[in-house]
Amino acid sequence: MKNRTWLCLTLLAFAPVVPAASKPAPAPSPSCDRECLRGMLTASLYSLLRHDTHKLPLSDKVRVTEDATEKPLDKVGLVNTVTRLRGYRQDFLDERGGMAATSAIVEESGAPILLVVRLKVVDRKITEIEIVTTRSRKEGLIFNIDGLSAPSEEMNYAPRPEQLNSREDALKAALHYPEGLNAAKTFADVNAPFTPNAYRYENGQIMAGPDCKFAPGCQNISTQSLAIFNRLGKVTTRVVGVDERMGIVLLRLNWGVREPTGDQLTAFEAFKVYDGQIHAVEAFIRILPLELAKGGWD
């Protein structure tokens, strides 16, 4: 009996350890969480205001573009010209992708500027800075500063966890938008999941939704005619990031046909997605030369 007991204990001692069934290991925490990313944006905006970028945590190989043109950070015009940060600022924070972007209003000697800043952050260092400015209707077709006094309530609604879609599903919903533009009929024709009260703002001007007065039929974003996009050609889409906590997908769109000025429409478009539907679209638009339409980034 003792021999048998000794044998069992010996076998157990050398048996491989089989872990108990458990949940999958959580994804590793990002090196720069939401508040870290938000802080990077704040530091970047204040570096423009103070005309000093030396305190920014920059990678040795940071890449910078201003209005789609690559240049050293100290050659960026805004570093020397910003005189004020206004109250409007809408952040987009993608922890998984290490991306932080903001659409904001700043001033140059009292003159307002629509500003988009996108950062890529790796190991708490800024590796990419993309800056796009719009200073007038000539540069953006629309320039309604009064419509951008404060960030919108809808974009800043924090969905409950059960309302949020997966990253993949939120992106799938938002990508119906460029699909609809390419079809140039209506968003309903491509089954874009807009809510009945969904709206679209462009450079502070409402261009679709219940309060729209821009054109007949613009009150319903789903059935609003998209025929105008026939003359702009096919749209190219870059996925900038997904703010999974706030249910926001940020895309950059550019079209394939020149405007009468010889330049091309480009846009950063933010989509509020939760409960499986698109609730709002807010865009900052800039006209750029055709050769710079992709913004200098693939």
C-alpha atoms as a PDB file:
ATOM      1  CA  MET A   1       0.000   0.000   0.000  1.00  0.00           C
ATOM      2  CA  LYS A   2       2.883   2.358   0.890  1.00  0.00           C
ATOM      3  CA  ASN A   3       4.572   1.539  -2.413  1.00  0.00           C
ATOM      4  CA  ARG A   4       1.393   2.339  -4.332  1.00  0.00           C
ATOM      5  CA  THR A   5       0.953   5.656  -2.494  1.00  0.00           C
ATOM      6  CA  TRP A   6       4.605   6.577  -3.160  1.00  0.00           C
ATOM      7  CA  LEU A   7       4.136   5.777  -6.866  1.00  0.00           C
ATOM      8  CA  CYS A   8       1.043   8.003  -7.167  1.00  0.00           C
ATOM      9  CA  LEU A   9       2.798  10.912  -5.482  1.00  0.00           C
ATOM     10  CA  THR A  10       5.800  10.504  -7.758  1.00  0.00           C
ATOM     11  CA  LEU A  11       3.632  10.521 -10.906  1.00  0.00           C
ATOM     12  CA  LEU A  12       1.798  13.635  -9.720  1.00  0.00           C
ATOM     13  CA  ALA A  13       5.079  15.422  -9.040  1.00  0.00           C
ATOM     14  CA  PHE A  14       6.263  14.943 -12.618  1.00  0.00           C
ATOM     15  CA  ALA A  15       2.933  15.324 -14.395  1.00  0.00           C
ATOM     16  CA  PRO A  16       2.609  18.374 -16.691  1.00  0.00           C
ATOM     17  CA  VAL A  17       0.635  21.223 -15.241  1.00  0.00           C
ATOM     18  CA  VAL A  18      -2.625  21.794 -17.139  1.00  0.00           C
ATOM     19  CA  PRO A  19      -4.028  25.262 -16.432  1.00  0.00           C
ATOM     20  CA  ALA A  20      -7.676  25.561 -15.548  1.00  0.00           C
ATOM     21  CA  ALA A  21      -9.985  26.988 -18.165  1.00  0.00           C
ATOM     22  CA  SER A  22      -9.904  30.763 -17.976  1.00  0.00           C
ATOM     23  CA  LYS A  23     -10.838  33.875 -19.898  1.00  0.00           C
ATOM     24  CA  PRO A  24      -8.451  35.055 -22.623  1.00  0.00           C
ATOM     25  CA  ALA A  25      -5.681  37.267 -21.325  1.00  0.00           C
ATOM     26  CA  PRO A  26      -6.599  40.920 -21.661  1.00  0.00           C
ATOM     27  CA  ALA A  27      -4.858  42.950 -24.333  1.00  0.00           C
ATOM     28  CA  PRO A  28      -1.797  44.735 -23.003  1.00  0.00           C
ATOM     29  CA  SER A  29      -2.438  48.262 -21.829  1.00  0.00           C
ATOM     30  CA  PRO A  30      -1.313  50.925 -24.274  1.00  0.00           C
ATOM     31  CA  SER A  31       1.865  52.746 -23.317  1.00  0.00           C
ATOM     32  CA  CYS A  32      -0.103  55.985 -23.674  1.00  0.00           C
ATOM     33  CA  ASP A  33      -3.701  55.778 -22.383  1.00  0.00           C
ATOM     34  CA  ARG A  34      -6.551  58.224 -23.059  1.00  0.00           C
ATOM     35  CA  GLU A  35      -5.352  60.913 -20.700  1.00  0.00           C
ATOM     36  CA  CYS A  36      -1.800  60.530 -21.925  1.00  0.00           C
ATOM     37  CA  LEU A  37      -2.983  60.990 -25.529  1.00  0.00           C
ATOM     38  CA  ARG A  38      -5.153  63.953 -24.545  1.00  0.00           C
ATOM     39  CA  GLY A  39      -2.176  65.470 -22.763  1.00  0.00           C
ATOM     40  CA  MET A  40      -0.071  65.097 -25.911  1.00  0.00           C
ATOM     41  CA  LEU A  41      -2.670  67.093 -27.847  1.00  0.00           C
ATOM     42  CA  THR A  42      -2.838  69.772 -25.166  1.00  0.00           C
ATOM     43  CA  ALA A  43       0.948  70.080 -25.086  1.00  0.00           C
ATOM     44  CA  SER A  44       1.037  70.335 -28.880  1.00  0.00           C
ATOM     45  CA  LEU A  45      -1.555  73.115 -29.000  1.00  0.00           C
ATOM     46  CA  TYR A  46       0.188  75.075 -26.253  1.00  0.00           C
ATOM     47  CA  SER A  47       3.521  74.638 -28.038  1.00  0.00           C
ATOM     48  CA  LEU A  48       1.962  76.523 -30.969  1.00  0.00           C
ATOM     49  CA  LEU A  49       0.597  79.217 -28.673  1.00  0.00           C
ATOM     50  CA  ARG A  50       3.968  79.657 -26.931  1.00  0.00           C
ATOM     51  CA  HIS A  51       5.906  79.415 -30.204  1.00  0.00           C
ATOM     52  CA  ASP A  52       8.119  76.760 -28.628  1.00  0.00           C
ATOM     53  CA  THR A  53       8.061  73.037 -29.414  1.00  0.00           C
ATOM     54  CA  HIS A  54      11.208  72.026 -27.516  1.00  0.00           C
ATOM     55  CA  LYS A  55       9.318  70.491 -24.584  1.00  0.00           C
ATOM     56  CA  LEU A  56       7.284  68.110 -26.746  1.00  0.00           C
ATOM     57  CA  PRO A  57       8.245  64.418 -26.302  1.00  0.00           C
ATOM     58  CA  LEU A  58       9.332  63.925 -29.913  1.00  0.00           C
ATOM     59  CA  SER A  59      10.781  60.803 -31.463  1.00  0.00           C
ATOM     60  CA  ASP A  60      14.200  61.246 -33.045  1.00  0.00           C
ATOM     61  CA  LYS A  61      12.547  60.384 -36.367  1.00  0.00           C
ATOM     62  CA  VAL A  62       9.335  62.413 -36.016  1.00  0.00           C
ATOM     63  CA  ARG A  63       7.666  63.151 -39.365  1.00  0.00           C
ATOM     64  CA  VAL A  64       5.701  66.387 -39.758  1.00  0.00           C
ATOM     65  CA  THR A  65       3.373  67.738 -42.437  1.00  0.00           C
ATOM     66  CA  GLU A  66       1.652  71.108 -42.558  1.00  0.00           C
ATOM     67  CA  ASP A  67      -1.142  71.369 -45.125  1.00  0.00           C
ATOM     68  CA  ALA A  68       0.137  68.169 -46.778  1.00  0.00           C
ATOM     69  CA  THR A  69       3.729  69.417 -47.162  1.00  0.00           C
ATOM     70  CA  GLU A  70       6.477  67.673 -45.199  1.00  0.00           C
ATOM     71  CA  LYS A  71       8.815  69.965 -43.279  1.00  0.00           C
ATOM     72  CA  PRO A  72      10.837  70.160 -40.044  1.00  0.00           C
ATOM     73  CA  LEU A  73       8.726  71.086 -37.037  1.00  0.00           C
ATOM     74  CA  ASP A  74      10.552  74.383 -36.531  1.00  0.00           C
ATOM     75  CA  LYS A  75       9.584  75.360 -40.101  1.00  0.00           C
ATOM     76  CA  VAL A  76       5.857  74.876 -39.487  1.00  0.00           C
ATOM     77  CA  GLY A  77       4.204  78.254 -39.924  1.00  0.00           C
ATOM     78  CA  LEU A  78       1.755  77.880 -37.038  1.00  0.00           C
ATOM     79  CA  VAL A  79       4.630  77.519 -34.582  1.00  0.00           C
ATOM     80  CA  ASN A  80       5.271  81.222 -35.072  1.00  0.00           C
ATOM     81  CA  THR A  81       1.804  82.645 -35.759  1.00  0.00           C
ATOM     82  CA  VAL A  82      -0.787  81.295 -33.270  1.00  0.00           C
ATOM     83  CA  THR A  83      -1.868  83.984 -30.807  1.00  0.00           C
ATOM     84  CA  ARG A  84      -4.861  82.362 -29.076  1.00  0.00           C
ATOM     85  CA  LEU A  85      -6.643  79.063 -28.462  1.00  0.00           C
ATOM     86  CA  ARG A  86     -10.416  79.468 -28.685  1.00  0.00           C
ATOM     87  CA  GLY A  87     -13.045  77.452 -26.795  1.00  0.00           C
ATOM     88  CA  TYR A  88     -13.840  74.922 -29.518  1.00  0.00           C
ATOM     89  CA  ARG A  89     -11.850  71.684 -29.330  1.00  0.00           C
ATOM     90  CA  GLN A  90     -13.030  68.178 -30.208  1.00  0.00           C
ATOM     91  CA  ASP A  91     -10.612  65.341 -29.420  1.00  0.00           C
ATOM     92  CA  PHE A  92     -10.486  61.858 -30.957  1.00  0.00           C
ATOM     93  CA  LEU A  93      -8.445  59.339 -28.955  1.00  0.00           C
ATOM     94  CA  ASP A  94      -7.538  55.898 -30.288  1.00  0.00           C
ATOM     95  CA  GLU A  95      -5.697  54.084 -27.489  1.00  0.00           C
ATOM     96  CA  ARG A  96      -5.238  50.860 -29.419  1.00  0.00           C
ATOM     97  CA  GLY A  97      -3.788  52.681 -32.419  1.00  0.00           C
ATOM     98  CA  GLY A  98      -1.733  55.202 -30.449  1.00  0.00           C
ATOM     99  CA  MET A  99      -3.480  58.011 -32.340  1.00  0.00           C
ATOM    100  CA  ALA A 100      -4.662  61.354 -30.987  1.00  0.00           C
ATOM    101  CA  ALA A 101      -6.356  63.994 -33.117  1.00  0.00           C
ATOM    102  CA  THR A 102      -8.247  67.186 -32.475  1.00  0.00           C
ATOM    103  CA  SER A 103     -10.282  69.663 -34.449  1.00  0.00           C
ATOM    104  CA  ALA A 104      -9.964  73.095 -32.893  1.00  0.00           C
ATOM    105  CA  ILE A 105     -10.240  76.824 -33.458  1.00  0.00           C
ATOM    106  CA  VAL A 106      -7.119  78.939 -32.969  1.00  0.00           C
ATOM    107  CA  GLU A 107      -6.287  82.504 -33.903  1.00  0.00           C
ATOM    108  CA  GLU A 108      -3.567  84.316 -35.782  1.00  0.00           C
ATOM    109  CA  SER A 109      -3.604  87.954 -34.606  1.00  0.00           C
ATOM    110  CA  GLY A 110      -7.353  87.770 -34.032  1.00  0.00           C
ATOM    111  CA  ALA A 111      -8.182  85.913 -37.251  1.00  0.00           C
ATOM    112  CA  PRO A 112      -9.760  82.474 -36.635  1.00  0.00           C
ATOM    113  CA  ILE A 113      -8.375  79.267 -38.157  1.00  0.00           C
ATOM    114  CA  LEU A 114     -10.004  75.839 -38.407  1.00  0.00           C
ATOM    115  CA  LEU A 115      -7.245  73.502 -37.285  1.00  0.00           C
ATOM    116  CA  VAL A 116      -6.815  69.729 -37.354  1.00  0.00           C
ATOM    117  CA  VAL A 117      -3.857  68.164 -35.553  1.00  0.00           C
ATOM    118  CA  ARG A 118      -3.172  64.437 -35.695  1.00  0.00           C
ATOM    119  CA  LEU A 119      -0.469  62.742 -33.622  1.00  0.00           C
ATOM    120  CA  LYS A 120       0.940  59.220 -33.676  1.00  0.00           C
ATOM    121  CA  VAL A 121       2.369  58.191 -30.321  1.00  0.00           C
ATOM    122  CA  VAL A 122       4.692  55.214 -29.782  1.00  0.00           C
ATOM    123  CA  ASP A 123       6.250  54.466 -26.376  1.00  0.00           C
ATOM    124  CA  ARG A 124       5.095  57.900 -25.191  1.00  0.00           C
ATOM    125  CA  LYS A 125       6.986  59.627 -27.990  1.00  0.00           C
ATOM    126  CA  ILE A 126       5.378  61.565 -30.844  1.00  0.00           C
ATOM    127  CA  THR A 127       6.408  59.937 -34.109  1.00  0.00           C
ATOM    128  CA  GLU A 128       3.995  61.704 -36.503  1.00  0.00           C
ATOM    129  CA  ILE A 129       2.423  65.165 -36.594  1.00  0.00           C
ATOM    130  CA  GLU A 130      -0.134  66.070 -39.258  1.00  0.00           C
ATOM    131  CA  ILE A 131      -1.436  69.650 -39.300  1.00  0.00           C
ATOM    132  CA  VAL A 132      -4.169  70.980 -41.598  1.00  0.00           C
ATOM    133  CA  THR A 133      -5.441  74.568 -41.482  1.00  0.00           C
ATOM    134  CA  THR A 134      -8.398  76.318 -43.105  1.00  0.00           C
ATOM    135  CA  ARG A 135      -8.384  80.111 -42.935  1.00  0.00           C
ATOM    136  CA  SER A 136     -11.243  81.200 -45.186  1.00  0.00           C
ATOM    137  CA  ARG A 137     -14.110  80.162 -47.460  1.00  0.00           C
ATOM    138  CA  LYS A 138     -11.630  80.178 -50.331  1.00  0.00           C
ATOM    139  CA  GLU A 139      -9.649  77.455 -48.576  1.00  0.00           C
ATOM    140  CA  GLY A 140     -12.630  75.470 -47.297  1.00  0.00           C
ATOM    141  CA  LEU A 141     -15.721  76.347 -49.391  1.00  0.00           C
ATOM    142  CA  ILE A 142     -17.533  76.791 -46.051  1.00  0.00           C
ATOM    143  CA  PHE A 143     -16.236  78.806 -43.083  1.00  0.00           C
ATOM    144  CA  ASN A 144     -18.871  79.212 -40.371  1.00  0.00           C
ATOM    145  CA  ILE A 145     -16.906  80.096 -37.259  1.00  0.00           C
ATOM    146  CA  ASP A 146     -20.095  80.972 -35.336  1.00  0.00           C
ATOM    147  CA  GLY A 147     -21.178  77.337 -35.651  1.00  0.00           C
ATOM    148  CA  LEU A 148     -18.072  76.204 -33.778  1.00  0.00           C
ATOM    149  CA  SER A 149     -18.310  78.110 -30.503  1.00  0.00           C
ATOM    150  CA  ALA A 150     -18.288  74.867 -28.478  1.00  0.00           C
ATOM    151  CA  PRO A 151     -18.007  71.121 -29.148  1.00  0.00           C
ATOM    152  CA  SER A 152     -21.334  69.475 -29.960  1.00  0.00           C
ATOM    153  CA  GLU A 153     -23.396  67.647 -27.366  1.00  0.00           C
ATOM    154  CA  GLU A 154     -23.804  64.606 -29.634  1.00  0.00           C
ATOM    155  CA  MET A 155     -20.090  64.062 -30.262  1.00  0.00           C
ATOM    156  CA  ASN A 156     -19.429  64.309 -26.543  1.00  0.00           C
ATOM    157  CA  TYR A 157     -22.174  61.941 -25.446  1.00  0.00           C
ATOM    158  CA  ALA A 158     -20.447  59.003 -23.733  1.00  0.00           C
ATOM    159  CA  PRO A 159     -22.359  55.848 -24.747  1.00  0.00           C
ATOM    160  CA  ARG A 160     -23.017  53.222 -22.118  1.00  0.00           C
ATOM    161  CA  PRO A 161     -20.882  50.093 -22.572  1.00  0.00           C
ATOM    162  CA  GLU A 162     -23.843  48.115 -23.906  1.00  0.00           C
ATOM    163  CA  GLN A 163     -24.445  50.812 -26.546  1.00  0.00           C
ATOM    164  CA  LEU A 164     -20.953  50.681 -27.976  1.00  0.00           C
ATOM    165  CA  ASN A 165     -20.210  48.689 -31.092  1.00  0.00           C
ATOM    166  CA  SER A 166     -17.003  46.765 -31.609  1.00  0.00           C
ATOM    167  CA  ARG A 167     -14.181  48.623 -33.299  1.00  0.00           C
ATOM    168  CA  GLU A 168     -14.749  46.616 -36.460  1.00  0.00           C
ATOM    169  CA  ASP A 169     -18.519  47.200 -36.533  1.00  0.00           C
ATOM    170  CA  ALA A 170     -18.183  50.935 -35.866  1.00  0.00           C
ATOM    171  CA  LEU A 171     -15.709  51.217 -38.729  1.00  0.00           C
ATOM    172  CA  LYS A 172     -17.965  49.166 -41.000  1.00  0.00           C
ATOM    173  CA  ALA A 173     -20.861  51.540 -40.294  1.00  0.00           C
ATOM    174  CA  ALA A 174     -18.761  54.640 -41.012  1.00  0.00           C
ATOM    175  CA  LEU A 175     -17.390  53.218 -44.267  1.00  0.00           C
ATOM    176  CA  HIS A 176     -20.922  53.231 -45.698  1.00  0.00           C
ATOM    177  CA  TYR A 177     -20.390  56.981 -45.999  1.00  0.00           C
ATOM    178  CA  PRO A 178     -17.651  56.972 -48.680  1.00  0.00           C
ATOM    179  CA  GLU A 179     -19.473  54.066 -50.317  1.00  0.00           C
ATOM    180  CA  GLY A 180     -22.554  56.285 -50.622  1.00  0.00           C
ATOM    181  CA  LEU A 181     -20.505  59.188 -51.988  1.00  0.00           C
ATOM    182  CA  ASN A 182     -19.026  56.947 -54.659  1.00  0.00           C
ATOM    183  CA  ALA A 183     -22.477  55.675 -55.627  1.00  0.00           C
ATOM    184  CA  ALA A 184     -23.569  59.363 -55.855  1.00  0.00           C
ATOM    185  CA  LYS A 185     -27.244  58.524 -55.272  1.00  0.00           C
ATOM    186  CA  THR A 186     -28.287  58.536 -51.611  1.00  0.00           C
ATOM    187  CA  PHE A 187     -26.933  56.996 -48.438  1.00  0.00           C
ATOM    188  CA  ALA A 188     -30.121  54.943 -48.240  1.00  0.00           C
ATOM    189  CA  ASP A 189     -29.075  53.222 -51.480  1.00  0.00           C
ATOM    190  CA  VAL A 190     -26.036  51.734 -49.710  1.00  0.00           C
ATOM    191  CA  ASN A 191     -27.926  51.028 -46.458  1.00  0.00           C
ATOM    192  CA  ALA A 192     -25.911  53.505 -44.416  1.00  0.00           C
ATOM    193  CA  PRO A 193     -27.265  53.111 -40.856  1.00  0.00           C
ATOM    194  CA  PHE A 194     -28.194  56.726 -40.113  1.00  0.00           C
ATOM    195  CA  THR A 195     -30.673  57.553 -37.378  1.00  0.00           C
ATOM    196  CA  PRO A 196     -33.717  59.652 -38.414  1.00  0.00           C
ATOM    197  CA  ASN A 197     -32.227  62.686 -36.627  1.00  0.00           C
ATOM    198  CA  ALA A 198     -28.653  62.257 -37.843  1.00  0.00           C
ATOM    199  CA  TYR A 199     -26.920  65.404 -39.040  1.00  0.00           C
ATOM    200  CA  ARG A 200     -23.778  66.500 -40.875  1.00  0.00           C
ATOM    201  CA  TYR A 201     -21.736  69.622 -40.114  1.00  0.00           C
ATOM    202  CA  GLU A 202     -19.025  70.896 -42.461  1.00  0.00           C
ATOM    203  CA  ASN A 203     -16.682  73.636 -41.188  1.00  0.00           C
ATOM    204  CA  GLY A 204     -19.351  74.649 -38.681  1.00  0.00           C
ATOM    205  CA  GLN A 205     -22.268  74.739 -41.136  1.00  0.00           C
ATOM    206  CA  ILE A 206     -25.148  72.266 -40.962  1.00  0.00           C
ATOM    207  CA  MET A 207     -25.402  70.567 -44.356  1.00  0.00           C
ATOM    208  CA  ALA A 208     -27.814  67.738 -43.543  1.00  0.00           C
ATOM    209  CA  GLY A 209     -30.260  66.877 -40.783  1.00  0.00           C
ATOM    210  CA  PRO A 210     -33.584  68.099 -39.362  1.00  0.00           C
ATOM    211  CA  ASP A 211     -32.358  71.703 -38.980  1.00  0.00           C
ATOM    212  CA  CYS A 212     -30.756  71.934 -42.434  1.00  0.00           C
ATOM    213  CA  LYS A 213     -31.840  74.773 -44.723  1.00  0.00           C
ATOM    214  CA  PHE A 214     -28.977  74.464 -47.205  1.00  0.00           C
ATOM    215  CA  ALA A 215     -30.973  72.837 -49.998  1.00  0.00           C
ATOM    216  CA  PRO A 216     -34.330  71.104 -50.582  1.00  0.00           C
ATOM    217  CA  GLY A 217     -34.301  67.589 -49.157  1.00  0.00           C
ATOM    218  CA  CYS A 218     -31.267  68.140 -46.932  1.00  0.00           C
ATOM    219  CA  GLN A 219     -33.357  67.571 -43.783  1.00  0.00           C
ATOM    220  CA  ASN A 220     -32.950  63.795 -44.154  1.00  0.00           C
ATOM    221  CA  ILE A 221     -29.306  62.761 -44.508  1.00  0.00           C
ATOM    222  CA  SER A 222     -30.279  59.260 -45.658  1.00  0.00           C
ATOM    223  CA  THR A 223     -32.336  60.395 -48.651  1.00  0.00           C
ATOM    224  CA  GLN A 224     -30.490  63.633 -49.463  1.00  0.00           C
ATOM    225  CA  SER A 225     -29.313  63.584 -53.081  1.00  0.00           C
ATOM    226  CA  LEU A 226     -25.593  62.958 -53.574  1.00  0.00           C
ATOM    227  CA  ALA A 227     -25.632  63.689 -57.305  1.00  0.00           C
ATOM    228  CA  ILE A 228     -23.174  66.555 -56.841  1.00  0.00           C
ATOM    229  CA  PHE A 229     -20.461  64.016 -56.100  1.00  0.00           C
ATOM    230  CA  ASN A 230     -20.613  62.760 -59.682  1.00  0.00           C
ATOM    231  CA  ARG A 231     -18.453  65.713 -60.715  1.00  0.00           C
ATOM    232  CA  LEU A 232     -15.971  65.217 -57.869  1.00  0.00           C
ATOM    233  CA  GLY A 233     -15.023  61.683 -58.898  1.00  0.00           C
ATOM    234  CA  LYS A 234     -14.319  58.722 -56.656  1.00  0.00           C
ATOM    235  CA  VAL A 235     -13.415  59.295 -53.043  1.00  0.00           C
ATOM    236  CA  THR A 236     -10.290  57.817 -51.482  1.00  0.00           C
ATOM    237  CA  THR A 237     -10.521  56.938 -47.794  1.00  0.00           C
ATOM    238  CA  ARG A 238      -7.859  56.828 -45.097  1.00  0.00           C
ATOM    239  CA  VAL A 239      -8.871  55.421 -41.706  1.00  0.00           C
ATOM    240  CA  VAL A 240      -7.344  57.807 -39.178  1.00  0.00           C
ATOM    241  CA  GLY A 241      -8.541  56.046 -36.040  1.00  0.00           C
ATOM    242  CA  VAL A 242     -11.381  54.761 -33.880  1.00  0.00           C
ATOM    243  CA  ASP A 243     -12.186  56.238 -30.493  1.00  0.00           C
ATOM    244  CA  GLU A 244     -13.653  53.069 -29.017  1.00  0.00           C
ATOM    245  CA  ARG A 245     -14.686  54.641 -25.715  1.00  0.00           C
ATOM    246  CA  MET A 246     -16.674  57.476 -27.311  1.00  0.00           C
ATOM    247  CA  GLY A 247     -17.931  55.585 -30.366  1.00  0.00           C
ATOM    248  CA  ILE A 248     -16.272  57.870 -32.929  1.00  0.00           C
ATOM    249  CA  VAL A 249     -14.650  56.856 -36.212  1.00  0.00           C
ATOM    250  CA  LEU A 250     -12.337  59.403 -37.845  1.00  0.00           C
ATOM    251  CA  LEU A 251     -11.742  59.151 -41.599  1.00  0.00           C
ATOM    252  CA  ARG A 252      -9.870  61.344 -44.053  1.00  0.00           C
ATOM    253  CA  LEU A 253     -11.464  61.618 -47.488  1.00  0.00           C
ATOM    254  CA  ASN A 254     -10.181  63.066 -50.751  1.00  0.00           C
ATOM    255  CA  TRP A 255     -11.764  63.157 -54.177  1.00  0.00           C
ATOM    256  CA  GLY A 256     -10.342  62.452 -57.620  1.00  0.00           C
ATOM    257  CA  VAL A 257     -11.406  65.439 -59.727  1.00  0.00           C
ATOM    258  CA  ARG A 258     -10.129  69.003 -59.549  1.00  0.00           C
ATOM    259  CA  GLU A 259     -12.325  71.852 -58.415  1.00  0.00           C
ATOM    260  CA  PRO A 260     -12.713  74.780 -60.863  1.00  0.00           C
ATOM    261  CA  THR A 261      -9.812  76.406 -58.986  1.00  0.00           C
ATOM    262  CA  GLY A 262      -7.546  73.550 -60.009  1.00  0.00           C
ATOM    263  CA  ASP A 263      -7.523  72.146 -56.483  1.00  0.00           C
ATOM    264  CA  GLN A 264      -9.325  69.303 -54.759  1.00  0.00           C
ATOM    265  CA  LEU A 265     -11.742  68.798 -51.888  1.00  0.00           C
ATOM    266  CA  THR A 266     -10.328  66.961 -48.853  1.00  0.00           C
ATOM    267  CA  ALA A 267     -11.931  66.374 -45.454  1.00  0.00           C
ATOM    268  CA  PHE A 268     -11.461  64.940 -41.985  1.00  0.00           C
ATOM    269  CA  GLU A 269     -14.843  63.359 -41.177  1.00  0.00           C
ATOM    270  CA  ALA A 270     -15.847  62.180 -37.690  1.00  0.00           C
ATOM    271  CA  PHE A 271     -18.735  59.703 -37.329  1.00  0.00           C
ATOM    272  CA  LYS A 272     -20.580  59.183 -34.042  1.00  0.00           C
ATOM    273  CA  VAL A 273     -21.556  55.494 -33.974  1.00  0.00           C
ATOM    274  CA  TYR A 274     -23.390  53.637 -31.223  1.00  0.00           C
ATOM    275  CA  ASP A 275     -26.392  51.313 -30.948  1.00  0.00           C
ATOM    276  CA  GLY A 276     -25.418  50.142 -34.428  1.00  0.00           C
ATOM    277  CA  GLN A 277     -26.283  53.508 -36.024  1.00  0.00           C
ATOM    278  CA  ILE A 278     -24.591  56.701 -37.183  1.00  0.00           C
ATOM    279  CA  HIS A 279     -25.898  59.648 -35.170  1.00  0.00           C
ATOM    280  CA  ALA A 280     -23.751  62.488 -36.485  1.00  0.00           C
ATOM    281  CA  VAL A 281     -21.070  63.447 -38.978  1.00  0.00           C
ATOM    282  CA  GLU A 282     -18.806  66.427 -38.358  1.00  0.00           C
ATOM    283  CA  ALA A 283     -16.189  67.472 -40.891  1.00  0.00           C
ATOM    284  CA  PHE A 284     -13.320  69.921 -41.261  1.00  0.00           C
ATOM    285  CA  ILE A 285     -12.785  70.597 -44.959  1.00  0.00           C
ATOM    286  CA  ARG A 286      -9.799  71.985 -46.848  1.00  0.00           C
ATOM    287  CA  ILE A 287      -9.166  72.514 -50.557  1.00  0.00           C
ATOM    288  CA  LEU A 288      -5.678  71.284 -51.511  1.00  0.00           C
ATOM    289  CA  PRO A 289      -3.773  70.965 -54.785  1.00  0.00           C
ATOM    290  CA  LEU A 290      -4.536  67.650 -56.475  1.00  0.00           C
ATOM    291  CA  GLU A 291      -0.983  66.389 -56.044  1.00  0.00           C
ATOM    292  CA  LEU A 292      -1.279  66.940 -52.268  1.00  0.00           C
ATOM    293  CA  ALA A 293      -4.794  65.547 -51.929  1.00  0.00           C
ATOM    294  CA  LYS A 294      -3.769  62.554 -49.803  1.00  0.00           C
ATOM    295  CA  GLY A 295      -2.205  64.870 -47.253  1.00  0.00           C
ATOM    296  CA  GLY A 296       1.299  63.457 -47.567  1.00  0.00           C
ATOM    297  CA  TRP A 297       0.286  60.244 -45.774  1.00  0.00           C
ATOM    298  CA  ASP A 298      -0.645  56.860 -47.226  1.00  0.00           C
END
